[in-house]
Amino acid sequence: MSKLQDERINDHMIAYRIDDNPPLTPAIVLTDEFWAMVDKNFPDGALLILRQRDEVAVIDRKSPSALITARQLIDMAKHRGVDFLSDRIFGRRDGRLVTVTE
């Protein structure tokens, strides 16, 4: 986690990357340390997208356009095709990663 970099995209979104081992980045969602950071930044909950292998994007769940933004970012990555990972939107419930239905 010491090599984890975060980039605040705007008030409602943060992108996380492990700079020295980018393909390992999606594994951060399995750590309590990552979720502590997410909870600190978005205490009312967050959506998570794993659209590419070298990034985990977290969107504030209370943002009015959270689901739309998540879907647009996923669709852009899917269309680009490079390092596309998942077309699902995730949330966290009771300490578990769950798929969010739109």
PDB file of N, CA and C in Angstrom:
ATOM      1  N   MET A   1       0.813  -1.204   0.000  1.00  0.00           N
ATOM      2  CA  MET A   1       0.000   0.000   0.000  1.00  0.00           C
ATOM      3  C   MET A   1       0.858   1.271   0.000  1.00  0.00           C
ATOM      4  N   SER A   2       2.123   1.132   0.343  1.00  0.00           N
ATOM      5  CA  SER A   2       2.967   2.326   0.379  1.00  0.00           C
ATOM      6  C   SER A   2       3.218   2.890  -1.012  1.00  0.00           C
ATOM      7  N   LYS A   3       3.073   2.090  -2.050  1.00  0.00           N
ATOM      8  CA  LYS A   3       3.282   2.546  -3.428  1.00  0.00           C
ATOM      9  C   LYS A   3       1.982   2.963  -4.100  1.00  0.00           C
ATOM     10  N   LEU A   4       0.888   2.955  -3.356  1.00  0.00           N
ATOM     11  CA  LEU A   4      -0.403   3.323  -3.910  1.00  0.00           C
ATOM     12  C   LEU A   4      -0.474   4.828  -4.119  1.00  0.00           C
ATOM     13  N   GLN A   5      -0.821   5.211  -5.343  1.00  0.00           N
ATOM     14  CA  GLN A   5      -0.979   6.618  -5.690  1.00  0.00           C
ATOM     15  C   GLN A   5      -2.458   6.901  -5.902  1.00  0.00           C
ATOM     16  N   ASP A   6      -2.898   8.053  -5.435  1.00  0.00           N
ATOM     17  CA  ASP A   6      -4.278   8.434  -5.700  1.00  0.00           C
ATOM     18  C   ASP A   6      -4.297   9.762  -6.433  1.00  0.00           C
ATOM     19  N   GLU A   7      -5.260   9.873  -7.321  1.00  0.00           N
ATOM     20  CA  GLU A   7      -5.435  11.099  -8.098  1.00  0.00           C
ATOM     21  C   GLU A   7      -6.890  11.515  -7.998  1.00  0.00           C
ATOM     22  N   ARG A   8      -7.113  12.657  -7.388  1.00  0.00           N
ATOM     23  CA  ARG A   8      -8.491  13.148  -7.281  1.00  0.00           C
ATOM     24  C   ARG A   8      -8.863  13.743  -8.627  1.00  0.00           C
ATOM     25  N   ILE A   9      -9.821  13.134  -9.277  1.00  0.00           N
ATOM     26  CA  ILE A   9     -10.265  13.573 -10.597  1.00  0.00           C
ATOM     27  C   ILE A   9     -11.170  14.797 -10.455  1.00  0.00           C
ATOM     28  N   ASN A  10     -12.054  14.752  -9.483  1.00  0.00           N
ATOM     29  CA  ASN A  10     -12.933  15.880  -9.151  1.00  0.00           C
ATOM     30  C   ASN A  10     -13.450  15.651  -7.729  1.00  0.00           C
ATOM     31  N   ASP A  11     -14.430  16.421  -7.313  1.00  0.00           N
ATOM     32  CA  ASP A  11     -14.943  16.286  -5.941  1.00  0.00           C
ATOM     33  C   ASP A  11     -15.583  14.932  -5.675  1.00  0.00           C
ATOM     34  N   HIS A  12     -15.958  14.223  -6.728  1.00  0.00           N
ATOM     35  CA  HIS A  12     -16.719  12.986  -6.567  1.00  0.00           C
ATOM     36  C   HIS A  12     -15.983  11.730  -7.026  1.00  0.00           C
ATOM     37  N   MET A  13     -14.715  11.860  -7.429  1.00  0.00           N
ATOM     38  CA  MET A  13     -14.028  10.688  -7.976  1.00  0.00           C
ATOM     39  C   MET A  13     -12.534  10.715  -7.686  1.00  0.00           C
ATOM     40  N   ILE A  14     -12.020   9.529  -7.324  1.00  0.00           N
ATOM     41  CA  ILE A  14     -10.588   9.341  -7.094  1.00  0.00           C
ATOM     42  C   ILE A  14     -10.157   8.092  -7.853  1.00  0.00           C
ATOM     43  N   ALA A  15      -9.012   8.181  -8.539  1.00  0.00           N
ATOM     44  CA  ALA A  15      -8.428   7.024  -9.221  1.00  0.00           C
ATOM     45  C   ALA A  15      -7.205   6.577  -8.432  1.00  0.00           C
ATOM     46  N   TYR A  16      -7.079   5.277  -8.234  1.00  0.00           N
ATOM     47  CA  TYR A  16      -5.956   4.700  -7.485  1.00  0.00           C
ATOM     48  C   TYR A  16      -5.126   3.825  -8.415  1.00  0.00           C
ATOM     49  N   ARG A  17      -3.789   3.875  -8.216  1.00  0.00           N
ATOM     50  CA  ARG A  17      -2.862   3.062  -9.002  1.00  0.00           C
ATOM     51  C   ARG A  17      -1.678   2.663  -8.142  1.00  0.00           C
ATOM     52  N   ILE A  18      -1.157   1.469  -8.409  1.00  0.00           N
ATOM     53  CA  ILE A  18       0.119   1.075  -7.822  1.00  0.00           C
ATOM     54  C   ILE A  18       1.157   1.325  -8.910  1.00  0.00           C
ATOM     55  N   ASP A  19       1.922   2.387  -8.753  1.00  0.00           N
ATOM     56  CA  ASP A  19       2.823   2.825  -9.816  1.00  0.00           C
ATOM     57  C   ASP A  19       3.915   1.830 -10.173  1.00  0.00           C
ATOM     58  N   ASP A  20       4.456   1.142  -9.190  1.00  0.00           N
ATOM     59  CA  ASP A  20       5.579   0.252  -9.504  1.00  0.00           C
ATOM     60  C   ASP A  20       5.135  -1.150  -9.951  1.00  0.00           C
ATOM     61  N   ASN A  21       3.830  -1.432  -9.902  1.00  0.00           N
ATOM     62  CA  ASN A  21       3.314  -2.715 -10.369  1.00  0.00           C
ATOM     63  C   ASN A  21       1.843  -2.530 -10.780  1.00  0.00           C
ATOM     64  N   PRO A  22       1.581  -1.794 -11.868  1.00  0.00           N
ATOM     65  CA  PRO A  22       0.213  -1.453 -12.253  1.00  0.00           C
ATOM     66  C   PRO A  22      -0.760  -2.623 -12.365  1.00  0.00           C
ATOM     67  N   PRO A  23      -0.362  -3.790 -12.900  1.00  0.00           N
ATOM     68  CA  PRO A  23      -1.339  -4.882 -12.997  1.00  0.00           C
ATOM     69  C   PRO A  23      -1.830  -5.406 -11.644  1.00  0.00           C
ATOM     70  N   LEU A  24      -1.116  -5.102 -10.588  1.00  0.00           N
ATOM     71  CA  LEU A  24      -1.516  -5.518  -9.252  1.00  0.00           C
ATOM     72  C   LEU A  24      -2.590  -4.594  -8.656  1.00  0.00           C
ATOM     73  N   THR A  25      -2.820  -3.463  -9.266  1.00  0.00           N
ATOM     74  CA  THR A  25      -3.730  -2.451  -8.724  1.00  0.00           C
ATOM     75  C   THR A  25      -5.107  -2.992  -8.325  1.00  0.00           C
ATOM     76  N   PRO A  26      -5.802  -3.779  -9.158  1.00  0.00           N
ATOM     77  CA  PRO A  26      -7.139  -4.240  -8.747  1.00  0.00           C
ATOM     78  C   PRO A  26      -7.153  -5.023  -7.437  1.00  0.00           C
ATOM     79  N   ALA A  27      -6.035  -5.595  -7.042  1.00  0.00           N
ATOM     80  CA  ALA A  27      -5.980  -6.369  -5.801  1.00  0.00           C
ATOM     81  C   ALA A  27      -6.160  -5.498  -4.560  1.00  0.00           C
ATOM     82  N   ILE A  28      -6.010  -4.190  -4.700  1.00  0.00           N
ATOM     83  CA  ILE A  28      -6.159  -3.323  -3.525  1.00  0.00           C
ATOM     84  C   ILE A  28      -7.559  -3.394  -2.939  1.00  0.00           C
ATOM     85  N   VAL A  29      -8.556  -3.755  -3.760  1.00  0.00           N
ATOM     86  CA  VAL A  29      -9.927  -3.808  -3.256  1.00  0.00           C
ATOM     87  C   VAL A  29     -10.116  -4.918  -2.230  1.00  0.00           C
ATOM     88  N   LEU A  30      -9.121  -5.774  -2.076  1.00  0.00           N
ATOM     89  CA  LEU A  30      -9.182  -6.862  -1.103  1.00  0.00           C
ATOM     90  C   LEU A  30      -8.610  -6.473   0.255  1.00  0.00           C
ATOM     91  N   THR A  31      -8.138  -5.241   0.379  1.00  0.00           N
ATOM     92  CA  THR A  31      -7.484  -4.834   1.623  1.00  0.00           C
ATOM     93  C   THR A  31      -8.351  -3.887   2.449  1.00  0.00           C
ATOM     94  N   ASP A  32      -8.277  -4.059   3.748  1.00  0.00           N
ATOM     95  CA  ASP A  32      -8.996  -3.156   4.657  1.00  0.00           C
ATOM     96  C   ASP A  32      -8.418  -1.748   4.604  1.00  0.00           C
ATOM     97  N   GLU A  33      -7.122  -1.626   4.343  1.00  0.00           N
ATOM     98  CA  GLU A  33      -6.478  -0.306   4.282  1.00  0.00           C
ATOM     99  C   GLU A  33      -7.066   0.532   3.151  1.00  0.00           C
ATOM    100  N   PHE A  34      -7.303  -0.108   2.008  1.00  0.00           N
ATOM    101  CA  PHE A  34      -7.899   0.604   0.884  1.00  0.00           C
ATOM    102  C   PHE A  34      -9.294   1.104   1.250  1.00  0.00           C
ATOM    103  N   TRP A  35     -10.098   0.231   1.836  1.00  0.00           N
ATOM    104  CA  TRP A  35     -11.466   0.615   2.175  1.00  0.00           C
ATOM    105  C   TRP A  35     -11.509   1.679   3.262  1.00  0.00           C
ATOM    106  N   ALA A  36     -10.522   1.699   4.134  1.00  0.00           N
ATOM    107  CA  ALA A  36     -10.444   2.771   5.129  1.00  0.00           C
ATOM    108  C   ALA A  36     -10.228   4.116   4.431  1.00  0.00           C
ATOM    109  N   MET A  37      -9.399   4.133   3.393  1.00  0.00           N
ATOM    110  CA  MET A  37      -9.183   5.369   2.622  1.00  0.00           C
ATOM    111  C   MET A  37     -10.460   5.785   1.902  1.00  0.00           C
ATOM    112  N   VAL A  38     -11.138   4.812   1.303  1.00  0.00           N
ATOM    113  CA  VAL A  38     -12.380   5.113   0.593  1.00  0.00           C
ATOM    114  C   VAL A  38     -13.416   5.669   1.569  1.00  0.00           C
ATOM    115  N   ASP A  39     -13.566   5.029   2.712  1.00  0.00           N
ATOM    116  CA  ASP A  39     -14.538   5.484   3.711  1.00  0.00           C
ATOM    117  C   ASP A  39     -14.216   6.884   4.225  1.00  0.00           C
ATOM    118  N   LYS A  40     -12.943   7.183   4.334  1.00  0.00           N
ATOM    119  CA  LYS A  40     -12.541   8.515   4.787  1.00  0.00           C
ATOM    120  C   LYS A  40     -12.918   9.579   3.743  1.00  0.00           C
ATOM    121  N   ASN A  41     -12.702   9.268   2.477  1.00  0.00           N
ATOM    122  CA  ASN A  41     -12.991  10.226   1.411  1.00  0.00           C
ATOM    123  C   ASN A  41     -14.471  10.313   1.068  1.00  0.00           C
ATOM    124  N   PHE A  42     -15.179   9.184   1.167  1.00  0.00           N
ATOM    125  CA  PHE A  42     -16.596   9.132   0.813  1.00  0.00           C
ATOM    126  C   PHE A  42     -17.373   8.410   1.916  1.00  0.00           C
ATOM    127  N   PRO A  43     -17.604   9.081   3.037  1.00  0.00           N
ATOM    128  CA  PRO A  43     -18.225   8.426   4.195  1.00  0.00           C
ATOM    129  C   PRO A  43     -19.652   7.920   3.958  1.00  0.00           C
ATOM    130  N   ASP A  44     -20.329   8.435   2.937  1.00  0.00           N
ATOM    131  CA  ASP A  44     -21.693   7.990   2.655  1.00  0.00           C
ATOM    132  C   ASP A  44     -21.736   6.854   1.642  1.00  0.00           C
ATOM    133  N   GLY A  45     -20.581   6.296   1.313  1.00  0.00           N
ATOM    134  CA  GLY A  45     -20.527   5.173   0.388  1.00  0.00           C
ATOM    135  C   GLY A  45     -19.922   5.558  -0.949  1.00  0.00           C
ATOM    136  N   ALA A  46     -19.501   4.541  -1.688  1.00  0.00           N
ATOM    137  CA  ALA A  46     -18.846   4.767  -2.963  1.00  0.00           C
ATOM    138  C   ALA A  46     -19.170   3.640  -3.938  1.00  0.00           C
ATOM    139  N   LEU A  47     -19.097   3.989  -5.209  1.00  0.00           N
ATOM    140  CA  LEU A  47     -19.149   3.003  -6.273  1.00  0.00           C
ATOM    141  C   LEU A  47     -17.725   2.772  -6.727  1.00  0.00           C
ATOM    142  N   LEU A  48     -17.442   1.582  -7.179  1.00  0.00           N
ATOM    143  CA  LEU A  48     -16.098   1.232  -7.580  1.00  0.00           C
ATOM    144  C   LEU A  48     -16.148   0.631  -8.976  1.00  0.00           C
ATOM    145  N   ILE A  49     -15.223   1.068  -9.840  1.00  0.00           N
ATOM    146  CA  ILE A  49     -15.147   0.458 -11.160  1.00  0.00           C
ATOM    147  C   ILE A  49     -13.726  -0.019 -11.414  1.00  0.00           C
ATOM    148  N   LEU A  50     -13.657  -1.170 -12.064  1.00  0.00           N
ATOM    149  CA  LEU A  50     -12.384  -1.788 -12.425  1.00  0.00           C
ATOM    150  C   LEU A  50     -12.353  -1.883 -13.948  1.00  0.00           C
ATOM    151  N   ARG A  51     -12.356  -0.741 -14.582  1.00  0.00           N
ATOM    152  CA  ARG A  51     -12.484  -0.713 -16.039  1.00  0.00           C
ATOM    153  C   ARG A  51     -11.200  -1.061 -16.763  1.00  0.00           C
ATOM    154  N   GLN A  52     -10.066  -0.880 -16.119  1.00  0.00           N
ATOM    155  CA  GLN A  52      -8.790  -1.227 -16.746  1.00  0.00           C
ATOM    156  C   GLN A  52      -7.861  -1.824 -15.703  1.00  0.00           C
ATOM    157  N   ARG A  53      -6.869  -2.576 -16.163  1.00  0.00           N
ATOM    158  CA  ARG A  53      -6.019  -3.367 -15.275  1.00  0.00           C
ATOM    159  C   ARG A  53      -5.101  -2.544 -14.376  1.00  0.00           C
ATOM    160  N   ASP A  54      -4.895  -1.301 -14.677  1.00  0.00           N
ATOM    161  CA  ASP A  54      -3.937  -0.513 -13.896  1.00  0.00           C
ATOM    162  C   ASP A  54      -4.594   0.599 -13.086  1.00  0.00           C
ATOM    163  N   GLU A  55      -5.905   0.490 -12.845  1.00  0.00           N
ATOM    164  CA  GLU A  55      -6.599   1.567 -12.133  1.00  0.00           C
ATOM    165  C   GLU A  55      -7.828   1.027 -11.411  1.00  0.00           C
ATOM    166  N   VAL A  56      -8.064   1.577 -10.241  1.00  0.00           N
ATOM    167  CA  VAL A  56      -9.318   1.372  -9.526  1.00  0.00           C
ATOM    168  C   VAL A  56      -9.912   2.767  -9.344  1.00  0.00           C
ATOM    169  N   ALA A  57     -11.100   2.974  -9.874  1.00  0.00           N
ATOM    170  CA  ALA A  57     -11.751   4.272  -9.752  1.00  0.00           C
ATOM    171  C   ALA A  57     -12.885   4.173  -8.742  1.00  0.00           C
ATOM    172  N   VAL A  58     -12.962   5.178  -7.879  1.00  0.00           N
ATOM    173  CA  VAL A  58     -13.979   5.217  -6.835  1.00  0.00           C
ATOM    174  C   VAL A  58     -14.781   6.503  -7.011  1.00  0.00           C
ATOM    175  N   ILE A  59     -16.102   6.355  -7.029  1.00  0.00           N
ATOM    176  CA  ILE A  59     -17.005   7.483  -7.253  1.00  0.00           C
ATOM    177  C   ILE A  59     -17.933   7.612  -6.049  1.00  0.00           C
ATOM    178  N   ASP A  60     -18.078   8.822  -5.564  1.00  0.00           N
ATOM    179  CA  ASP A  60     -18.945   9.106  -4.431  1.00  0.00           C
ATOM    180  C   ASP A  60     -20.375   8.673  -4.760  1.00  0.00           C
ATOM    181  N   ARG A  61     -20.894   7.770  -3.967  1.00  0.00           N
ATOM    182  CA  ARG A  61     -22.240   7.233  -4.202  1.00  0.00           C
ATOM    183  C   ARG A  61     -23.316   8.317  -4.131  1.00  0.00           C
ATOM    184  N   LYS A  62     -23.093   9.358  -3.339  1.00  0.00           N
ATOM    185  CA  LYS A  62     -24.130  10.383  -3.197  1.00  0.00           C
ATOM    186  C   LYS A  62     -24.106  11.426  -4.319  1.00  0.00           C
ATOM    187  N   SER A  63     -23.143  11.348  -5.216  1.00  0.00           N
ATOM    188  CA  SER A  63     -23.136  12.220  -6.382  1.00  0.00           C
ATOM    189  C   SER A  63     -24.358  11.890  -7.239  1.00  0.00           C
ATOM    190  N   PRO A  64     -25.120  12.903  -7.653  1.00  0.00           N
ATOM    191  CA  PRO A  64     -26.340  12.635  -8.432  1.00  0.00           C
ATOM    192  C   PRO A  64     -26.090  11.838  -9.721  1.00  0.00           C
ATOM    193  N   SER A  65     -24.914  11.973 -10.278  1.00  0.00           N
ATOM    194  CA  SER A  65     -24.629  11.293 -11.549  1.00  0.00           C
ATOM    195  C   SER A  65     -23.665  10.119 -11.379  1.00  0.00           C
ATOM    196  N   ALA A  66     -23.560   9.565 -10.180  1.00  0.00           N
ATOM    197  CA  ALA A  66     -22.576   8.516  -9.899  1.00  0.00           C
ATOM    198  C   ALA A  66     -22.711   7.319 -10.831  1.00  0.00           C
ATOM    199  N   LEU A  67     -23.907   6.767 -10.960  1.00  0.00           N
ATOM    200  CA  LEU A  67     -24.101   5.593 -11.814  1.00  0.00           C
ATOM    201  C   LEU A  67     -23.875   5.922 -13.287  1.00  0.00           C
ATOM    202  N   ILE A  68     -24.320   7.073 -13.711  1.00  0.00           N
ATOM    203  CA  ILE A  68     -24.136   7.480 -15.113  1.00  0.00           C
ATOM    204  C   ILE A  68     -22.659   7.655 -15.414  1.00  0.00           C
ATOM    205  N   THR A  69     -21.944   8.318 -14.522  1.00  0.00           N
ATOM    206  CA  THR A  69     -20.503   8.515 -14.703  1.00  0.00           C
ATOM    207  C   THR A  69     -19.779   7.184 -14.749  1.00  0.00           C
ATOM    208  N   ALA A  70     -20.103   6.299 -13.832  1.00  0.00           N
ATOM    209  CA  ALA A  70     -19.467   4.981 -13.801  1.00  0.00           C
ATOM    210  C   ALA A  70     -19.701   4.246 -15.114  1.00  0.00           C
ATOM    211  N   ARG A  71     -20.930   4.230 -15.593  1.00  0.00           N
ATOM    212  CA  ARG A  71     -21.247   3.532 -16.841  1.00  0.00           C
ATOM    213  C   ARG A  71     -20.518   4.164 -18.027  1.00  0.00           C
ATOM    214  N   GLN A  72     -20.475   5.484 -18.090  1.00  0.00           N
ATOM    215  CA  GLN A  72     -19.785   6.157 -19.197  1.00  0.00           C
ATOM    216  C   GLN A  72     -18.290   5.819 -19.207  1.00  0.00           C
ATOM    217  N   LEU A  73     -17.660   5.826 -18.043  1.00  0.00           N
ATOM    218  CA  LEU A  73     -16.232   5.511 -17.961  1.00  0.00           C
ATOM    219  C   LEU A  73     -15.952   4.065 -18.357  1.00  0.00           C
ATOM    220  N   ILE A  74     -16.814   3.164 -17.940  1.00  0.00           N
ATOM    221  CA  ILE A  74     -16.668   1.756 -18.322  1.00  0.00           C
ATOM    222  C   ILE A  74     -16.833   1.596 -19.827  1.00  0.00           C
ATOM    223  N   ASP A  75     -17.861   2.225 -20.380  1.00  0.00           N
ATOM    224  CA  ASP A  75     -18.118   2.106 -21.817  1.00  0.00           C
ATOM    225  C   ASP A  75     -16.965   2.680 -22.638  1.00  0.00           C
ATOM    226  N   MET A  76     -16.384   3.776 -22.178  1.00  0.00           N
ATOM    227  CA  MET A  76     -15.225   4.352 -22.879  1.00  0.00           C
ATOM    228  C   MET A  76     -14.054   3.374 -22.876  1.00  0.00           C
ATOM    229  N   ALA A  77     -13.784   2.766 -21.755  1.00  0.00           N
ATOM    230  CA  ALA A  77     -12.678   1.810 -21.654  1.00  0.00           C
ATOM    231  C   ALA A  77     -12.956   0.570 -22.503  1.00  0.00           C
ATOM    232  N   LYS A  78     -14.189   0.121 -22.494  1.00  0.00           N
ATOM    233  CA  LYS A  78     -14.568  -1.057 -23.274  1.00  0.00           C
ATOM    234  C   LYS A  78     -14.381  -0.782 -24.765  1.00  0.00           C
ATOM    235  N   HIS A  79     -14.791   0.395 -25.197  1.00  0.00           N
ATOM    236  CA  HIS A  79     -14.653   0.782 -26.600  1.00  0.00           C
ATOM    237  C   HIS A  79     -13.180   0.876 -27.007  1.00  0.00           C
ATOM    238  N   ARG A  80     -12.367   1.413 -26.107  1.00  0.00           N
ATOM    239  CA  ARG A  80     -10.927   1.544 -26.351  1.00  0.00           C
ATOM    240  C   ARG A  80     -10.277   0.166 -26.415  1.00  0.00           C
ATOM    241  N   GLY A  81     -10.753  -0.761 -25.588  1.00  0.00           N
ATOM    242  CA  GLY A  81     -10.305  -2.137 -25.636  1.00  0.00           C
ATOM    243  C   GLY A  81      -8.965  -2.440 -24.999  1.00  0.00           C
ATOM    244  N   VAL A  82      -8.140  -1.469 -24.788  1.00  0.00           N
ATOM    245  CA  VAL A  82      -6.806  -1.702 -24.242  1.00  0.00           C
ATOM    246  C   VAL A  82      -6.904  -1.913 -22.731  1.00  0.00           C
ATOM    247  N   ASP A  83      -6.421  -3.038 -22.257  1.00  0.00           N
ATOM    248  CA  ASP A  83      -6.412  -3.368 -20.834  1.00  0.00           C
ATOM    249  C   ASP A  83      -7.789  -3.318 -20.181  1.00  0.00           C
ATOM    250  N   PHE A  84      -8.854  -3.530 -20.954  1.00  0.00           N
ATOM    251  CA  PHE A  84     -10.199  -3.534 -20.390  1.00  0.00           C
ATOM    252  C   PHE A  84     -10.326  -4.675 -19.388  1.00  0.00           C
ATOM    253  N   LEU A  85     -10.960  -4.411 -18.259  1.00  0.00           N
ATOM    254  CA  LEU A  85     -11.043  -5.421 -17.208  1.00  0.00           C
ATOM    255  C   LEU A  85     -12.484  -5.858 -16.914  1.00  0.00           C
ATOM    256  N   SER A  86     -13.370  -4.929 -16.553  1.00  0.00           N
ATOM    257  CA  SER A  86     -14.718  -5.331 -16.150  1.00  0.00           C
ATOM    258  C   SER A  86     -15.744  -4.278 -16.527  1.00  0.00           C
ATOM    259  N   ASP A  87     -16.938  -4.742 -16.902  1.00  0.00           N
ATOM    260  CA  ASP A  87     -18.020  -3.806 -17.221  1.00  0.00           C
ATOM    261  C   ASP A  87     -19.027  -3.702 -16.073  1.00  0.00           C
ATOM    262  N   ARG A  88     -18.644  -4.180 -14.910  1.00  0.00           N
ATOM    263  CA  ARG A  88     -19.528  -4.127 -13.741  1.00  0.00           C
ATOM    264  C   ARG A  88     -19.220  -2.913 -12.867  1.00  0.00           C
ATOM    265  N   ILE A  89     -20.247  -2.477 -12.173  1.00  0.00           N
ATOM    266  CA  ILE A  89     -20.123  -1.421 -11.167  1.00  0.00           C
ATOM    267  C   ILE A  89     -20.269  -2.112  -9.818  1.00  0.00           C
ATOM    268  N   PHE A  90     -19.361  -1.813  -8.915  1.00  0.00           N
ATOM    269  CA  PHE A  90     -19.343  -2.475  -7.616  1.00  0.00           C
ATOM    270  C   PHE A  90     -19.606  -1.491  -6.480  1.00  0.00           C
ATOM    271  N   GLY A  91     -20.060  -2.018  -5.387  1.00  0.00           N
ATOM    272  CA  GLY A  91     -20.200  -1.296  -4.137  1.00  0.00           C
ATOM    273  C   GLY A  91     -19.714  -2.219  -3.032  1.00  0.00           C
ATOM    274  N   ARG A  92     -19.769  -1.741  -1.821  1.00  0.00           N
ATOM    275  CA  ARG A  92     -19.359  -2.571  -0.688  1.00  0.00           C
ATOM    276  C   ARG A  92     -20.507  -2.605   0.317  1.00  0.00           C
ATOM    277  N   ARG A  93     -20.889  -3.815   0.687  1.00  0.00           N
ATOM    278  CA  ARG A  93     -21.977  -3.988   1.647  1.00  0.00           C
ATOM    279  C   ARG A  93     -21.545  -5.026   2.676  1.00  0.00           C
ATOM    280  N   ASP A  94     -21.605  -4.648   3.930  1.00  0.00           N
ATOM    281  CA  ASP A  94     -21.235  -5.550   5.028  1.00  0.00           C
ATOM    282  C   ASP A  94     -19.832  -6.131   4.839  1.00  0.00           C
ATOM    283  N   GLY A  95     -18.911  -5.288   4.348  1.00  0.00           N
ATOM    284  CA  GLY A  95     -17.530  -5.711   4.171  1.00  0.00           C
ATOM    285  C   GLY A  95     -17.279  -6.565   2.952  1.00  0.00           C
ATOM    286  N   ARG A  96     -18.273  -6.701   2.083  1.00  0.00           N
ATOM    287  CA  ARG A  96     -18.136  -7.538   0.885  1.00  0.00           C
ATOM    288  C   ARG A  96     -18.342  -6.705  -0.371  1.00  0.00           C
ATOM    289  N   LEU A  97     -17.615  -7.020  -1.417  1.00  0.00           N
ATOM    290  CA  LEU A  97     -17.769  -6.385  -2.710  1.00  0.00           C
ATOM    291  C   LEU A  97     -18.993  -6.973  -3.391  1.00  0.00           C
ATOM    292  N   VAL A  98     -19.910  -6.114  -3.826  1.00  0.00           N
ATOM    293  CA  VAL A  98     -21.140  -6.565  -4.477  1.00  0.00           C
ATOM    294  C   VAL A  98     -21.341  -5.799  -5.786  1.00  0.00           C
ATOM    295  N   THR A  99     -22.021  -6.415  -6.723  1.00  0.00           N
ATOM    296  CA  THR A  99     -22.350  -5.762  -7.975  1.00  0.00           C
ATOM    297  C   THR A  99     -23.549  -4.841  -7.742  1.00  0.00           C
ATOM    298  N   VAL A 100     -23.457  -3.632  -8.277  1.00  0.00           N
ATOM    299  CA  VAL A 100     -24.545  -2.665  -8.172  1.00  0.00           C
ATOM    300  C   VAL A 100     -25.353  -2.740  -9.460  1.00  0.00           C
ATOM    301  N   THR A 101     -26.659  -2.891  -9.324  1.00  0.00           N
ATOM    302  CA  THR A 101     -27.506  -2.923 -10.494  1.00  0.00           C
ATOM    303  C   THR A 101     -27.931  -1.508 -10.836  1.00  0.00           C
ATOM    304  N   GLU A 102     -28.031  -1.273 -12.105  1.00  0.00           N
ATOM    305  CA  GLU A 102     -28.371   0.087 -12.573  1.00  0.00           C
ATOM    306  C   GLU A 102     -29.865   0.233 -12.765  1.00  0.00           C
TER     307      GLU A 102
END
